[in-house]
């Protein structure tokens, strides 16, 4: 797979066309040579992965490799802009690496410019950002990078290096907290007979709270929230702090993945052994093929451990999922997945699933059991079709507690 041949390593609507258009216009080119890439460059961006170690610490090996390669290739003054999510203090560390690697290195400055892109909508987020955060010990360099971002017409904040790095972690940790909070409320709603969708709507009308990230479901996954919350907790602990809230946020998220398996077992009289369970969606969110820390992985493995036969369908993520979940049967459509199934679990809220012919789905199933892990469907309408239906936090359906 080579991006130079216009083969995209990730899925996002419009990405392939965007790359092709800019390559054709000679605004974009690709190389594996740092020397070629830095030739006459005024700015160089570090955009590498920072995965979590087992203890939650961010792995900075790729940042180190990039910094060392930049030092080796630099032959003129340059501004180094770090886009990667990195622990607080990494900007200073990058500068030290370059100076140690090349005592005679040309003049340079390091600027932190954390990215705030959502997978599946990264192009739109880049072109229309809520804000641009810049941090540096060199104010002149930060202002030059600000000029670079002016065409995006977003609010630009200039601060110090460490504060800019912290803003990214704090932002992601807060969003993860909102999701875990509404999932905790969903569990209470189930117990008390309230509907979490209505609760979230009522909460969101308060401008102090806002509507975003209040969708109860199976929790967060992907490449950012899991590693960033872990990394922030690790940084706090290494400084002698006690990040109780961050640990609670992670614990709630992990527990949420038990809900669909538990509910399906209840609807199947306590066991799934020998049953055919269909998973509707595999990617951690719609409009991406990213399977990193996807809830589907935990759910599928738990079902398999209990002896279920698991099959799945996802519009774009099945090729990636095959390597992660080789025991899961991948099917060609949602209807193929439903044939002979004893229960279905909706995991990823793809639009395709919102517009399925559920009447047809019911006729294909062995037992019409539907566990809606994203609260996509109307409970009354689905039950009227003859399904035994459960969701997340929708304890009241107009007739009583589930």
Protein backbone atom coordinates (compact mmCIF):
# COMPACT_ATOMS: atom_id res chain seq x y z
CA UNK A 1 0.00 0.00 0.00
CA UNK A 2 1.65 3.22 -1.18
CA UNK A 3 0.23 6.73 -0.88
CA UNK A 4 2.59 7.79 -3.67
CA UNK A 5 0.48 5.58 -5.95
CA UNK A 6 -2.64 7.29 -4.55
CA UNK A 7 -3.61 4.24 -2.53
CA UNK A 8 -4.92 5.63 0.74
CA UNK A 9 -3.84 3.79 3.91
CA UNK A 10 -7.00 4.94 5.73
CA UNK A 11 -10.64 5.39 4.79
CA UNK A 12 -12.26 8.81 4.74
CA UNK A 13 -14.88 10.11 2.34
CA UNK A 14 -13.26 12.53 -0.13
CA UNK A 15 -9.66 11.81 0.86
CA UNK A 16 -8.64 9.96 -2.30
CA UNK A 17 -10.08 12.69 -4.52
CA UNK A 18 -8.43 15.45 -2.47
CA UNK A 19 -5.00 13.82 -2.74
CA UNK A 20 -5.38 13.13 -6.46
CA UNK A 21 -6.43 16.72 -7.20
CA UNK A 22 -3.49 18.26 -5.36
CA UNK A 23 -0.94 15.83 -6.79
CA UNK A 24 -2.17 16.68 -10.28
CA UNK A 25 -1.85 20.41 -9.52
CA UNK A 26 1.72 19.76 -8.22
CA UNK A 27 0.85 21.18 -4.81
CA UNK A 28 1.47 17.83 -3.14
CA UNK A 29 4.21 15.24 -3.49
CA UNK A 30 5.53 12.33 -1.43
CA UNK A 31 8.98 11.11 -0.48
CA UNK A 32 10.63 8.87 2.09
CA UNK A 33 13.78 11.05 2.06
CA UNK A 34 14.10 13.65 4.83
CA UNK A 35 16.80 15.39 2.79
CA UNK A 36 14.47 15.82 -0.16
CA UNK A 37 11.52 16.80 2.03
CA UNK A 38 13.45 19.49 3.96
CA UNK A 39 15.12 21.02 0.94
CA UNK A 40 14.20 24.73 0.99
CA UNK A 41 11.44 24.03 3.55
CA UNK A 42 10.51 26.82 5.96
CA UNK A 43 8.41 24.55 8.16
CA UNK A 44 8.50 20.84 8.95
CA UNK A 45 5.65 19.07 10.72
CA UNK A 46 6.12 16.05 12.98
CA UNK A 47 2.96 13.96 12.54
CA UNK A 48 3.74 10.51 13.93
CA UNK A 49 1.92 8.06 16.18
CA UNK A 50 2.40 8.09 19.95
CA UNK A 51 0.85 4.78 21.08
CA UNK A 52 0.46 3.81 24.73
CA UNK A 53 2.84 1.52 26.59
CA UNK A 54 1.28 -1.07 28.88
CA UNK A 55 1.41 1.37 31.81
CA UNK A 56 -0.22 4.18 29.81
CA UNK A 57 2.94 6.14 29.10
CA UNK A 58 3.09 7.57 25.57
CA UNK A 59 5.65 5.81 23.40
CA UNK A 60 7.80 8.55 21.85
CA UNK A 61 10.11 6.39 19.76
CA UNK A 62 8.67 7.70 16.49
CA UNK A 63 8.95 11.31 17.66
CA UNK A 64 12.59 10.68 18.57
CA UNK A 65 13.27 9.08 15.18
CA UNK A 66 11.67 12.03 13.39
CA UNK A 67 13.63 14.58 15.45
CA UNK A 68 16.92 12.79 14.81
CA UNK A 69 16.20 12.50 11.08
CA UNK A 70 15.34 16.21 10.91
CA UNK A 71 18.60 17.06 12.69
CA UNK A 72 20.58 14.94 10.23
CA UNK A 73 18.95 16.53 7.18
CA UNK A 74 18.77 20.21 8.23
CA UNK A 75 21.01 22.56 6.29
CA UNK A 76 19.22 25.89 6.88
CA UNK A 77 17.05 27.57 9.57
CA UNK A 78 13.65 25.95 10.00
CA UNK A 79 10.58 25.91 12.25
CA UNK A 80 9.65 22.46 13.56
CA UNK A 81 5.92 22.11 14.25
CA UNK A 82 4.76 19.20 16.35
CA UNK A 83 1.26 17.97 15.47
CA UNK A 84 1.51 14.68 17.36
CA UNK A 85 -0.19 14.28 20.74
CA UNK A 86 2.78 14.17 23.10
CA UNK A 87 3.37 14.34 26.86
CA UNK A 88 3.84 17.75 28.38
CA UNK A 89 7.50 18.70 28.01
CA UNK A 90 8.07 16.88 24.71
CA UNK A 91 8.68 20.11 22.78
CA UNK A 92 11.65 20.90 24.99
CA UNK A 93 12.80 17.28 24.66
CA UNK A 94 12.68 17.45 20.84
CA UNK A 95 14.81 20.59 20.87
CA UNK A 96 17.35 18.87 23.15
CA UNK A 97 17.49 15.81 20.87
CA UNK A 98 18.27 17.97 17.85
CA UNK A 99 20.94 19.98 19.64
CA UNK A 100 22.63 16.86 21.00
CA UNK A 101 22.45 15.16 17.61
CA UNK A 102 23.86 18.19 15.76
CA UNK A 103 25.85 20.61 17.95
CA UNK A 104 26.38 22.66 14.78
CA UNK A 105 22.73 22.53 13.76
CA UNK A 106 21.34 25.60 11.93
CA UNK A 107 18.97 27.87 13.84
CA UNK A 108 15.57 26.31 14.54
CA UNK A 109 12.51 26.71 16.76
CA UNK A 110 9.98 24.18 18.02
CA UNK A 111 6.27 25.04 18.00
CA UNK A 112 3.50 22.85 19.40
CA UNK A 113 0.36 22.85 17.25
CA UNK A 114 -1.81 19.96 18.47
CA UNK A 115 -4.34 18.56 16.04
CA UNK A 116 -8.04 18.32 16.89
CA UNK A 117 -9.24 16.13 14.03
CA UNK A 118 -11.98 13.53 14.27
CA UNK A 119 -11.57 10.34 12.27
CA UNK A 120 -14.13 10.22 9.50
CA UNK A 121 -14.36 14.02 9.31
CA UNK A 122 -10.68 15.01 9.47
CA UNK A 123 -10.75 16.96 6.20
CA UNK A 124 -13.67 19.11 7.29
CA UNK A 125 -12.17 19.57 10.76
CA UNK A 126 -8.85 20.68 9.29
CA UNK A 127 -10.40 23.14 6.87
CA UNK A 128 -12.85 24.58 9.45
CA UNK A 129 -11.22 24.24 12.87
CA UNK A 130 -12.79 25.49 16.09
CA UNK A 131 -9.42 26.92 17.08
CA UNK A 132 -5.71 26.71 16.35
CA UNK A 133 -3.50 26.31 19.42
CA UNK A 134 0.19 27.26 19.16
CA UNK A 135 2.83 27.01 21.86
CA UNK A 136 6.50 27.91 21.81
CA UNK A 137 9.31 29.50 23.78
CA UNK A 138 10.00 31.50 20.61
CA UNK A 139 7.21 34.04 20.14
CA UNK A 140 8.40 35.08 16.67
CA UNK A 141 8.30 31.47 15.46
CA UNK A 142 4.80 30.99 16.91
CA UNK A 143 3.58 34.11 15.13
CA UNK A 144 5.00 32.86 11.82
CA UNK A 145 3.09 29.60 12.28
CA UNK A 146 0.00 31.65 13.11
CA UNK A 147 0.38 33.43 9.75
CA UNK A 148 0.56 30.01 8.10
CA UNK A 149 -2.85 29.14 9.58
CA UNK A 150 -4.61 32.45 8.82
CA UNK A 151 -6.34 31.13 5.64
CA UNK A 152 -8.27 28.67 7.83
CA UNK A 153 -9.98 31.68 9.50
CA UNK A 154 -10.11 30.14 12.97
CA UNK A 155 -9.39 31.62 16.38
CA UNK A 156 -5.66 31.38 17.06
CA UNK A 157 -4.29 31.03 20.57
CA UNK A 158 -0.58 31.50 21.25
CA UNK A 159 0.79 30.23 24.55
CA UNK A 160 3.85 28.44 25.89
CA UNK A 161 4.97 24.99 24.75
CA UNK A 162 3.81 23.00 27.76
CA UNK A 163 0.43 24.67 27.99
CA UNK A 164 -0.28 23.94 24.32
CA UNK A 165 0.63 20.28 24.83
CA UNK A 166 -1.64 20.12 27.89
CA UNK A 167 -4.60 21.67 26.05
CA UNK A 168 -4.80 18.65 23.75
CA UNK A 169 -4.79 16.13 26.59
CA UNK A 170 -7.26 18.12 28.68
CA UNK A 171 -9.64 18.49 25.71
CA UNK A 172 -9.71 14.78 24.89
CA UNK A 173 -9.98 13.77 28.54
CA UNK A 174 -12.97 16.10 29.00
CA UNK A 175 -14.77 14.72 25.94
CA UNK A 176 -14.11 11.16 27.12
CA UNK A 177 -15.49 12.17 30.52
CA UNK A 178 -18.73 13.45 28.95
CA UNK A 179 -19.24 10.11 27.18
CA UNK A 180 -18.50 8.07 30.29
CA UNK A 181 -20.77 10.34 32.33
CA UNK A 182 -23.78 9.87 30.06
CA UNK A 183 -23.16 6.12 30.01
CA UNK A 184 -23.17 6.10 33.81
CA UNK A 185 -26.45 8.05 33.71
CA UNK A 186 -27.79 5.53 31.15
CA UNK A 187 -27.20 2.70 33.59
CA UNK A 188 -29.09 4.60 36.29
CA UNK A 189 -31.89 5.35 33.80
CA UNK A 190 -32.33 1.65 33.13
CA UNK A 191 -32.60 0.90 36.81
CA UNK A 192 -35.13 3.69 37.45
CA UNK A 193 -37.17 3.49 34.24
CA UNK A 194 -36.06 6.72 32.56
CA UNK A 195 -35.04 7.27 28.92
CA UNK A 196 -31.44 8.47 28.59
CA UNK A 197 -32.03 9.92 25.13
CA UNK A 198 -34.60 12.30 26.55
CA UNK A 199 -32.43 12.96 29.58
CA UNK A 200 -29.46 13.84 27.35
CA UNK A 201 -31.63 16.11 25.19
CA UNK A 202 -32.88 17.96 28.25
CA UNK A 203 -29.36 18.31 29.62
CA UNK A 204 -28.01 19.52 26.30
CA UNK A 205 -30.43 22.44 26.16
CA UNK A 206 -28.42 23.98 28.97
CA UNK A 207 -25.75 26.11 27.27
CA UNK A 208 -23.33 25.34 30.08
CA UNK A 209 -23.50 21.64 29.18
CA UNK A 210 -24.18 21.48 25.43
CA UNK A 211 -25.54 18.61 23.37
CA UNK A 212 -22.34 17.17 21.92
CA UNK A 213 -20.84 13.93 23.27
CA UNK A 214 -23.96 13.03 25.25
CA UNK A 215 -24.94 9.95 23.24
CA UNK A 216 -25.12 6.89 25.47
CA UNK A 217 -23.84 3.70 23.93
CA UNK A 218 -20.92 1.31 24.06
CA UNK A 219 -18.32 3.90 25.00
CA UNK A 220 -15.34 5.44 23.25
CA UNK A 221 -12.53 3.78 21.33
CA UNK A 222 -10.18 4.64 18.49
CA UNK A 223 -6.65 5.96 18.59
CA UNK A 224 -7.07 9.14 20.66
CA UNK A 225 -9.32 8.95 23.70
CA UNK A 226 -7.99 5.64 25.09
CA UNK A 227 -4.32 6.52 24.86
CA UNK A 228 -4.71 10.20 25.79
CA UNK A 229 -6.71 9.56 28.96
CA UNK A 230 -4.22 6.85 29.97
CA UNK A 231 -1.27 9.10 29.21
CA UNK A 232 -2.72 12.02 31.19
CA UNK A 233 -3.36 9.74 34.18
CA UNK A 234 0.20 8.42 33.90
CA UNK A 235 1.67 11.94 33.81
CA UNK A 236 -0.36 12.90 36.87
CA UNK A 237 0.74 9.82 38.81
CA UNK A 238 4.42 10.29 37.99
CA UNK A 239 4.12 13.76 39.53
CA UNK A 240 2.55 12.37 42.70
CA UNK A 241 -1.02 13.36 41.86
CA UNK A 242 -4.07 11.09 42.16
CA UNK A 243 -6.23 11.26 38.99
CA UNK A 244 -9.30 9.53 40.46
CA UNK A 245 -11.68 11.00 37.90
CA UNK A 246 -9.58 9.87 34.94
CA UNK A 247 -9.46 6.31 36.28
CA UNK A 248 -13.24 6.34 36.81
CA UNK A 249 -13.73 7.55 33.22
CA UNK A 250 -11.67 4.61 31.93
CA UNK A 251 -13.37 2.08 34.22
CA UNK A 252 -16.87 3.15 33.17
CA UNK A 253 -15.86 2.89 29.52
CA UNK A 254 -14.49 -0.63 29.98
CA UNK A 255 -17.59 -1.75 31.89
CA UNK A 256 -19.88 -0.42 29.17
CA UNK A 257 -18.68 -3.09 26.76
CA UNK A 258 -20.17 -5.77 29.01
CA UNK A 259 -23.68 -4.41 28.54
CA UNK A 260 -24.57 -5.87 25.12
CA UNK A 261 -23.27 -9.35 25.94
CA UNK A 262 -25.09 -9.36 29.28
CA UNK A 263 -28.36 -8.20 27.71
CA UNK A 264 -28.21 -10.67 24.84
CA UNK A 265 -27.59 -13.48 27.32
CA UNK A 266 -30.64 -12.39 29.32
CA UNK A 267 -32.79 -12.46 26.19
CA UNK A 268 -31.41 -15.91 25.29
CA UNK A 269 -32.32 -17.38 28.69
CA UNK A 270 -28.88 -16.99 30.18
CA UNK A 271 -26.50 -18.45 27.62
CA UNK A 272 -25.08 -17.80 24.16
CA UNK A 273 -23.25 -21.10 23.69
CA UNK A 274 -24.11 -22.51 20.28
CA UNK A 275 -26.06 -19.42 19.29
CA UNK A 276 -25.40 -17.34 16.17
CA UNK A 277 -24.82 -13.69 17.08
CA UNK A 278 -24.55 -11.03 14.38
CA UNK A 279 -22.55 -7.84 14.90
CA UNK A 280 -23.79 -4.80 13.02
CA UNK A 281 -20.64 -2.74 12.56
CA UNK A 282 -17.02 -3.26 13.56
CA UNK A 283 -15.22 0.11 13.29
CA UNK A 284 -15.07 2.11 16.51
CA UNK A 285 -17.21 4.84 14.88
CA UNK A 286 -18.94 5.48 11.52
CA UNK A 287 -17.14 6.81 8.42
CA UNK A 288 -13.80 5.17 9.25
CA UNK A 289 -12.24 1.72 9.00
CA UNK A 290 -10.30 2.22 12.24
CA UNK A 291 -10.49 -0.82 14.52
CA UNK A 292 -8.14 0.46 17.22
CA UNK A 293 -9.71 -0.22 20.63
CA UNK A 294 -13.09 -0.71 18.95
CA UNK A 295 -15.86 -2.02 21.26
CA UNK A 296 -16.58 -4.71 18.66
CA UNK A 297 -13.29 -6.44 19.50
CA UNK A 298 -14.10 -6.92 23.18
CA UNK A 299 -17.72 -7.85 22.46
CA UNK A 300 -16.82 -10.41 19.79
CA UNK A 301 -14.13 -12.03 21.93
CA UNK A 302 -16.43 -12.29 24.94
CA UNK A 303 -19.12 -13.96 22.83
CA UNK A 304 -16.59 -16.35 21.31
CA UNK A 305 -15.23 -17.28 24.74
CA UNK A 306 -18.75 -18.21 25.80
CA UNK A 307 -19.18 -20.50 22.81
CA UNK A 308 -21.23 -18.33 20.44
CA UNK A 309 -20.79 -18.36 16.69
CA UNK A 310 -20.14 -14.74 15.71
CA UNK A 311 -20.64 -13.19 12.30
CA UNK A 312 -20.33 -9.53 11.35
CA UNK A 313 -20.87 -6.92 8.69
CA UNK A 314 -19.34 -3.46 8.40
CA UNK A 315 -19.48 -1.22 5.30
CA UNK A 316 -15.71 -0.54 5.24
CA UNK A 317 -13.85 -2.11 8.18
CA UNK A 318 -14.06 -5.85 7.46
CA UNK A 319 -10.67 -6.14 5.74
CA UNK A 320 -8.99 -4.58 8.76
CA UNK A 321 -11.12 -6.64 11.15
CA UNK A 322 -10.25 -9.97 9.55
CA UNK A 323 -6.71 -9.80 10.91
CA UNK A 324 -7.92 -8.86 14.40
CA UNK A 325 -10.92 -11.19 14.64
CA UNK A 326 -10.10 -14.22 12.46
CA UNK A 327 -12.72 -16.38 14.19
CA UNK A 328 -15.54 -14.02 13.22
CA UNK A 329 -17.35 -14.77 9.96
CA UNK A 330 -17.46 -11.67 7.75
CA UNK A 331 -20.56 -11.36 5.57
CA UNK A 332 -21.39 -9.41 2.44
CA UNK A 333 -24.36 -7.46 3.79
CA UNK A 334 -26.43 -6.85 6.87
CA UNK A 335 -29.06 -9.19 5.44
CA UNK A 336 -26.53 -11.99 4.97
CA UNK A 337 -25.43 -11.46 8.56
CA UNK A 338 -29.02 -11.79 9.80
CA UNK A 339 -29.73 -15.14 8.11
CA UNK A 340 -30.30 -17.74 10.82
CA UNK A 341 -29.05 -15.41 13.59
CA UNK A 342 -30.36 -15.83 17.12
CA UNK A 343 -29.57 -12.22 18.01
CA UNK A 344 -28.12 -9.05 16.50
CA UNK A 345 -26.05 -6.40 18.26
CA UNK A 346 -25.79 -2.95 16.68
CA UNK A 347 -22.27 -1.73 17.47
CA UNK A 348 -21.46 1.04 14.96
CA UNK A 349 -24.14 3.58 14.01
CA UNK A 350 -23.52 3.59 10.25
CA UNK A 351 -26.29 5.33 8.28
CA UNK A 352 -26.76 2.10 6.35
CA UNK A 353 -28.02 0.41 9.52
CA UNK A 354 -30.43 3.25 10.27
CA UNK A 355 -32.21 2.60 6.97
CA UNK A 356 -32.38 -1.21 6.98
CA UNK A 357 -35.63 -3.01 6.21
CA UNK A 358 -36.06 -4.37 9.73
CA UNK A 359 -39.14 -6.32 8.69
CA UNK A 360 -36.99 -8.25 6.23
CA UNK A 361 -34.26 -8.64 8.86
CA UNK A 362 -36.79 -10.24 11.21
CA UNK A 363 -37.90 -12.81 8.64
CA UNK A 364 -34.28 -13.88 8.10
CA UNK A 365 -33.47 -14.43 11.76
CA UNK A 366 -33.85 -17.59 13.78
CA UNK A 367 -34.96 -15.48 16.76
CA UNK A 368 -35.93 -11.78 16.43
CA UNK A 369 -33.66 -10.42 19.16
CA UNK A 370 -32.05 -7.01 18.67
CA UNK A 371 -29.63 -5.34 21.05
CA UNK A 372 -29.24 -1.71 20.00
CA UNK A 373 -25.86 -0.60 21.37
CA UNK A 374 -26.17 2.93 19.98
CA UNK A 375 -29.84 3.76 20.58
CA UNK A 376 -30.43 4.14 16.85
CA UNK A 377 -33.92 2.67 16.62
CA UNK A 378 -37.28 3.70 18.02
CA UNK A 379 -38.09 1.10 20.71
CA UNK A 380 -41.85 1.12 20.15
CA UNK A 381 -41.53 0.81 16.36
CA UNK A 382 -39.04 -2.07 16.58
CA UNK A 383 -41.12 -3.94 19.15
CA UNK A 384 -44.20 -3.46 16.96
CA UNK A 385 -42.36 -5.35 14.21
CA UNK A 386 -42.08 -8.27 16.59
CA UNK A 387 -38.54 -7.88 17.89
CA UNK A 388 -37.44 -8.49 21.43
CA UNK A 389 -35.52 -5.24 21.77
CA UNK A 390 -33.06 -3.83 24.29
CA UNK A 391 -31.01 -0.63 24.15
CA UNK A 392 -28.72 1.46 26.37
CA UNK A 393 -30.40 3.41 29.14
CA UNK A 394 -33.90 3.36 27.66
CA UNK A 395 -35.63 1.97 30.70
CA UNK A 396 -39.05 3.47 29.96
CA UNK A 397 -40.83 2.67 26.71
CA UNK A 398 -44.28 4.05 27.46
CA UNK A 399 -45.43 0.85 29.14
CA UNK A 400 -42.98 0.29 31.97
CA UNK A 401 -39.46 -0.60 32.95
CA UNK A 402 -37.57 -2.98 30.64
